[in-house]
Amino acid sequence: MVPGQYRGVAVAPAGPGLDRGLSAEALRAHFTGREAYRRTRFIVVRAAAATALVRVVKASEEPLFSPIVAVDVLAGPDDCAFVHEPAADTAVPSALAEVARERAPSARAVVVQGRYEHVSFIVEPRPVRIRVREVVPPTPAKLFDQASRVLATAEDLPPVQLVPELVELPDLAAAHPAAHYLLPCRGSGTAIAGAAASYLDERPERQSWTLLGCARSQQIHHWFYGEDAPAVDLCPLRTAALHGDDLLLTKCCLREDGLEQGDGWVSVPWGSSLDQVRQALGVLARQREPSWARV
């Protein structure tokens, strides 16, 4: 659970009446009847090193201030942590989940004071895990980098944890030893130690090689040379596998536009845009709804 807008989150010091502790009974007694700003829906209560989180209901949201008529304690000091992380954008659910995972992994509720000193929180931080499978080099892994950049500003997506699952070309070659490899393009920057390398995009003179590529590379090879080559398939979609409840984001060069999807996975084109990656993350997130609530 995360708040829909952090402007509805207020921070209050534990003044007189709460100096004996932040028990649920004390919090309800302290706030019931007090006036609150009409946008205030949650209150983070700070007392020395202790933090509590409450949700409040006001008599009306029309006047500028209205008395609180109900107090729901979302987390008390035993299961609530307060973290100051200036780089975190607290409007982004994935950012809140990342801070919770890294800075307060045992807390049920984590309050984050982040960028611009804005404060928000996440309760039960269990982000959707999405494995990002692709081939490297080139580095950085483009699809993982794109997905990370999308999530850094995605206020409309649920909390997501990206898990890289990288297919290393040198490791793939080592598992299929050959004296000469044909790689899809020189742009990857790949060199295989102890073996010669040619690059399909340069249309080299036909030699005795092993194609380290995908179905599209084999199609191009056939077009150039009139025959298929011995090949090792590196397609991250064709060689991927699902893992438990994790979702899978990957790519395939046979898809030239749009998304391909199935139960638990989505594939984007090899040269995908940030917008296509955003769409793919949204499709995957909807496969796990309702896993979170914006309140």
Protein backbone atom coordinates (compact mmCIF):
# COMPACT_ATOMS: atom_id res chain seq x y z
CA MET A 1 0.00 0.00 0.00
CA VAL A 2 1.24 3.46 -0.92
CA PRO A 3 -0.51 6.82 -0.77
CA GLY A 4 -1.86 8.14 -4.03
CA GLN A 5 -0.37 11.57 -3.35
CA TYR A 6 2.23 12.38 -0.76
CA ARG A 7 0.62 15.74 -0.12
CA GLY A 8 -1.90 13.78 1.95
CA VAL A 9 0.87 12.66 4.33
CA ALA A 10 1.55 14.87 7.36
CA VAL A 11 4.41 14.56 9.82
CA ALA A 12 3.81 15.35 13.48
CA PRO A 13 6.11 15.20 16.50
CA ALA A 14 4.83 13.22 19.44
CA GLY A 15 3.91 16.11 21.71
CA PRO A 16 2.23 16.08 25.11
CA GLY A 17 -0.10 13.15 25.41
CA LEU A 18 2.21 10.79 23.53
CA ASP A 19 5.28 11.15 25.69
CA ARG A 20 4.54 7.77 27.28
CA GLY A 21 4.70 5.91 23.98
CA LEU A 22 3.07 5.40 20.60
CA SER A 23 0.63 2.62 21.47
CA ALA A 24 -2.48 2.25 19.34
CA GLU A 25 -4.67 3.38 22.23
CA ALA A 26 -2.53 6.47 22.87
CA LEU A 27 -2.48 7.41 19.18
CA ARG A 28 -6.26 7.13 18.84
CA ALA A 29 -6.84 9.13 22.01
CA HIS A 30 -4.34 11.79 20.98
CA PHE A 31 -5.63 12.48 17.47
CA THR A 32 -9.39 11.91 17.76
CA GLY A 33 -11.09 15.28 17.94
CA ARG A 34 -8.05 17.27 16.80
CA GLU A 35 -8.30 19.39 13.68
CA ALA A 36 -6.53 18.29 10.52
CA TYR A 37 -6.01 19.97 7.16
CA ARG A 38 -8.54 18.86 4.58
CA ARG A 39 -5.92 17.10 2.42
CA THR A 40 -4.40 15.19 5.32
CA ARG A 41 -5.20 11.49 5.22
CA PHE A 42 -2.16 10.00 6.92
CA ILE A 43 0.01 11.16 9.80
CA VAL A 44 3.57 10.05 10.45
CA VAL A 45 4.22 10.40 14.17
CA ARG A 46 7.83 10.84 15.30
CA ALA A 47 9.03 10.34 18.85
CA ALA A 48 12.81 10.27 19.25
CA ALA A 49 13.86 7.13 17.36
CA ALA A 50 10.32 5.71 17.18
CA THR A 51 7.86 6.15 14.33
CA ALA A 52 4.18 5.29 13.97
CA LEU A 53 1.84 5.65 11.00
CA VAL A 54 -1.89 6.37 11.21
CA ARG A 55 -4.71 6.94 8.74
CA VAL A 56 -7.30 9.51 9.77
CA VAL A 57 -10.89 10.22 8.79
CA LYS A 58 -12.19 13.76 9.23
CA ALA A 59 -15.72 14.92 9.83
CA SER A 60 -15.62 16.71 6.47
CA GLU A 61 -13.13 17.40 3.71
CA GLU A 62 -14.84 20.61 2.61
CA PRO A 63 -13.58 23.20 5.14
CA LEU A 64 -9.90 24.01 5.34
CA PHE A 65 -9.62 22.17 8.68
CA SER A 66 -11.96 19.62 10.20
CA PRO A 67 -11.91 17.46 13.36
CA ILE A 68 -10.62 13.89 13.14
CA VAL A 69 -13.38 11.39 13.88
CA ALA A 70 -11.55 8.09 13.31
CA VAL A 71 -7.95 6.91 13.60
CA ASP A 72 -6.65 3.70 12.03
CA VAL A 73 -3.17 2.70 13.20
CA LEU A 74 -1.40 1.29 10.14
CA ALA A 75 1.89 0.61 11.90
CA GLY A 76 3.23 1.11 15.39
CA PRO A 77 6.83 1.70 16.47
CA ASP A 78 7.62 -2.03 16.58
CA ASP A 79 7.00 -2.54 12.86
CA CYS A 80 7.54 0.92 11.37
CA ALA A 81 10.86 2.39 10.19
CA PHE A 82 11.79 5.93 9.19
CA VAL A 83 14.45 6.35 6.50
CA HIS A 84 16.04 9.51 5.15
CA GLU A 85 17.07 8.87 1.55
CA PRO A 86 17.54 12.20 -0.29
CA ALA A 87 17.89 10.58 -3.73
CA ALA A 88 14.56 8.70 -3.60
CA ASP A 89 11.53 10.19 -5.34
CA THR A 90 8.79 9.41 -2.86
CA ALA A 91 6.09 9.80 -5.52
CA VAL A 92 7.39 6.65 -7.27
CA PRO A 93 6.22 3.34 -5.75
CA SER A 94 9.24 1.41 -7.02
CA ALA A 95 11.56 3.92 -5.37
CA LEU A 96 9.77 3.46 -2.04
CA ALA A 97 10.01 -0.32 -2.37
CA GLU A 98 13.71 -0.16 -3.19
CA VAL A 99 14.46 1.99 -0.14
CA ALA A 100 12.42 -0.37 2.04
CA ARG A 101 14.23 -3.42 0.69
CA GLU A 102 17.70 -1.94 1.09
CA ARG A 103 17.38 0.17 4.24
CA ALA A 104 14.66 -1.46 6.34
CA PRO A 105 14.08 -5.02 5.09
CA SER A 106 12.45 -6.27 8.28
CA ALA A 107 9.92 -3.43 8.72
CA ARG A 108 6.28 -3.92 7.77
CA ALA A 109 5.88 -0.21 7.07
CA VAL A 110 8.62 2.14 5.89
CA VAL A 111 8.33 5.92 5.93
CA VAL A 112 10.73 7.63 3.52
CA GLN A 113 11.89 11.23 3.59
CA GLY A 114 13.29 11.61 0.11
CA ARG A 115 13.92 14.02 -2.71
CA TYR A 116 12.74 17.58 -2.08
CA GLU A 117 12.43 16.43 1.58
CA HIS A 118 8.97 15.07 0.72
CA VAL A 119 7.68 12.26 2.91
CA SER A 120 5.68 9.20 1.88
CA PHE A 121 5.46 5.55 2.92
CA ILE A 122 4.94 1.99 1.82
CA VAL A 123 3.16 -0.71 3.84
CA GLU A 124 3.91 -4.40 3.22
CA PRO A 125 6.62 -3.67 0.65
CA ARG A 126 6.44 -6.73 -1.57
CA PRO A 127 7.30 -5.47 -5.06
CA VAL A 128 6.47 -7.40 -8.20
CA ARG A 129 9.67 -9.16 -9.29
CA ILE A 130 10.41 -8.90 -12.99
CA ARG A 131 13.40 -10.74 -14.43
CA VAL A 132 14.97 -8.93 -17.37
CA ARG A 133 16.66 -11.39 -19.70
CA GLU A 134 18.94 -10.20 -22.49
CA VAL A 135 22.30 -10.74 -24.15
CA VAL A 136 25.50 -8.86 -23.29
CA PRO A 137 27.68 -7.29 -24.54
CA PRO A 138 27.03 -4.56 -25.47
CA THR A 139 26.97 -3.10 -22.00
CA PRO A 140 25.22 -1.73 -20.13
CA ALA A 141 22.45 -4.21 -20.80
CA LYS A 142 20.08 -1.99 -22.78
CA LEU A 143 16.71 -3.48 -21.83
CA PHE A 144 17.55 -3.59 -18.12
CA ASP A 145 18.82 -0.02 -18.30
CA GLN A 146 15.67 1.14 -20.12
CA ALA A 147 13.36 -0.60 -17.65
CA SER A 148 15.27 0.94 -14.72
CA ARG A 149 14.97 4.41 -16.26
CA VAL A 150 11.23 3.95 -16.81
CA LEU A 151 10.64 2.81 -13.23
CA ALA A 152 12.62 5.76 -11.88
CA THR A 153 9.76 8.07 -12.90
CA ALA A 154 6.77 5.69 -13.08
CA GLU A 155 4.25 7.04 -10.59
CA ASP A 156 1.46 4.99 -12.18
CA LEU A 157 3.08 1.55 -11.93
CA PRO A 158 3.10 -0.68 -8.84
CA PRO A 159 6.31 -1.28 -6.89
CA VAL A 160 8.60 -3.34 -9.12
CA GLN A 161 11.94 -5.01 -8.43
CA LEU A 162 14.00 -5.70 -11.54
CA VAL A 163 16.28 -8.73 -11.51
CA PRO A 164 18.89 -8.90 -14.30
CA GLU A 165 19.26 -12.25 -16.04
CA LEU A 166 22.08 -11.75 -18.51
CA VAL A 167 23.30 -14.12 -21.21
CA GLU A 168 27.04 -13.50 -21.57
CA LEU A 169 28.22 -14.09 -25.14
CA PRO A 170 31.72 -15.24 -24.07
CA ASP A 171 30.15 -17.77 -21.69
CA LEU A 172 27.85 -19.01 -24.44
CA ALA A 173 30.81 -19.42 -26.77
CA ALA A 174 32.80 -21.26 -24.10
CA ALA A 175 29.96 -23.77 -23.78
CA HIS A 176 30.08 -24.34 -27.55
CA PRO A 177 33.79 -24.16 -28.48
CA ALA A 178 34.72 -23.36 -32.07
CA ALA A 179 37.75 -21.99 -33.91
CA HIS A 180 35.78 -19.26 -35.67
CA TYR A 181 32.57 -17.49 -34.65
CA LEU A 182 30.23 -15.37 -36.72
CA LEU A 183 28.62 -12.70 -34.58
CA PRO A 184 25.60 -10.60 -35.57
CA CYS A 185 27.41 -7.26 -35.59
CA ARG A 186 30.65 -5.57 -34.65
CA GLY A 187 28.68 -3.03 -32.61
CA SER A 188 28.40 -5.50 -29.75
CA GLY A 189 32.11 -5.13 -29.12
CA THR A 190 32.40 -8.87 -28.56
CA ALA A 191 35.65 -10.74 -28.98
CA ILE A 192 35.98 -14.43 -28.12
CA ALA A 193 39.32 -15.28 -26.57
CA GLY A 194 41.24 -17.93 -28.50
CA ALA A 195 38.95 -17.84 -31.54
CA ALA A 196 38.60 -15.84 -34.73
CA ALA A 197 35.56 -13.62 -35.12
CA SER A 198 33.67 -12.27 -38.11
CA TYR A 199 30.60 -10.02 -38.13
CA LEU A 200 27.48 -10.75 -40.14
CA ASP A 201 26.59 -7.08 -40.66
CA GLU A 202 29.85 -6.67 -42.62
CA ARG A 203 28.89 -9.53 -45.02
CA PRO A 204 32.32 -11.18 -44.86
CA GLU A 205 33.51 -13.81 -47.29
CA ARG A 206 32.01 -17.19 -46.41
CA GLN A 207 34.17 -19.23 -44.06
CA SER A 208 33.86 -22.25 -41.84
CA TRP A 209 32.35 -20.70 -38.73
CA THR A 210 29.77 -21.18 -36.01
CA LEU A 211 27.03 -18.58 -35.95
CA LEU A 212 26.52 -17.16 -32.49
CA GLY A 213 23.16 -15.55 -33.15
CA CYS A 214 19.40 -15.92 -33.37
CA ALA A 215 16.80 -16.94 -35.92
CA ARG A 216 17.00 -13.55 -37.68
CA SER A 217 20.78 -13.87 -37.95
CA GLN A 218 20.32 -17.31 -39.48
CA GLN A 219 17.81 -15.88 -41.98
CA ILE A 220 20.32 -13.18 -42.97
CA HIS A 221 23.08 -15.77 -43.25
CA HIS A 222 20.92 -17.86 -45.56
CA TRP A 223 20.17 -14.79 -47.67
CA PHE A 224 23.85 -13.90 -47.96
CA TYR A 225 25.31 -17.38 -48.51
CA GLY A 226 22.43 -19.55 -49.68
CA GLU A 227 22.66 -21.93 -46.73
CA ASP A 228 22.32 -22.12 -42.97
CA ALA A 229 25.36 -22.12 -40.69
CA PRO A 230 26.03 -24.28 -37.64
CA ALA A 231 24.57 -22.08 -34.95
CA VAL A 232 24.19 -21.46 -31.24
CA ASP A 233 20.87 -19.78 -30.51
CA LEU A 234 21.23 -16.76 -28.25
CA CYS A 235 17.66 -15.43 -28.50
CA PRO A 236 16.73 -14.34 -24.94
CA LEU A 237 13.06 -15.12 -25.60
CA ARG A 238 13.50 -18.58 -27.09
CA THR A 239 15.98 -19.64 -24.41
CA ALA A 240 14.23 -18.04 -21.43
CA ALA A 241 12.43 -19.86 -18.63
CA LEU A 242 9.99 -18.63 -16.00
CA HIS A 243 10.99 -18.78 -12.33
CA GLY A 244 8.27 -19.26 -9.73
CA ASP A 245 6.14 -16.16 -9.33
CA ASP A 246 8.67 -13.95 -11.10
CA LEU A 247 7.56 -12.28 -14.30
CA LEU A 248 9.79 -12.09 -17.38
CA LEU A 249 10.65 -9.13 -19.60
CA THR A 250 12.79 -9.92 -22.61
CA LYS A 251 13.19 -9.12 -26.31
CA CYS A 252 13.33 -10.80 -29.70
CA CYS A 253 14.49 -9.40 -33.04
CA LEU A 254 11.86 -11.41 -34.95
CA ARG A 255 9.28 -8.95 -33.58
CA GLU A 256 9.76 -5.71 -35.45
CA ASP A 257 7.04 -3.70 -33.71
CA GLY A 258 4.59 -3.99 -30.81
CA LEU A 259 4.65 -6.43 -27.93
CA GLU A 260 4.44 -10.20 -27.76
CA GLN A 261 3.09 -11.62 -24.54
CA GLY A 262 2.01 -14.74 -22.73
CA ASP A 263 1.26 -15.89 -19.21
CA GLY A 264 3.99 -14.37 -17.06
CA TRP A 265 6.09 -12.82 -19.82
CA VAL A 266 6.32 -9.99 -22.34
CA SER A 267 8.79 -9.53 -25.17
CA VAL A 268 9.63 -6.23 -26.85
CA PRO A 269 11.38 -5.63 -30.20
CA TRP A 270 15.18 -5.72 -30.13
CA GLY A 271 15.37 -1.97 -30.77
CA SER A 272 12.58 -1.12 -28.34
CA SER A 273 11.80 2.45 -27.30
CA LEU A 274 11.30 3.61 -23.75
CA ASP A 275 7.59 3.89 -24.44
CA GLN A 276 7.43 0.24 -25.55
CA VAL A 277 9.30 -0.82 -22.41
CA ARG A 278 6.85 1.21 -20.29
CA GLN A 279 3.93 -0.55 -22.03
CA ALA A 280 5.54 -3.93 -21.39
CA LEU A 281 6.03 -3.20 -17.69
CA GLY A 282 2.39 -2.14 -17.46
CA VAL A 283 1.23 -5.38 -19.11
CA LEU A 284 3.30 -7.44 -16.68
CA ALA A 285 2.10 -5.46 -13.67
CA ARG A 286 -1.53 -6.05 -14.60
CA GLN A 287 -0.87 -9.80 -14.60
CA ARG A 288 -0.16 -9.53 -10.86
CA GLU A 289 -3.02 -7.20 -9.86
CA PRO A 290 -4.29 -6.68 -7.28
CA SER A 291 -0.86 -6.91 -5.66
CA TRP A 292 -0.87 -3.36 -4.36
CA ALA A 293 -3.20 -0.52 -3.47
CA ARG A 294 -2.83 3.20 -4.01
CA VAL A 295 -4.82 4.77 -1.19
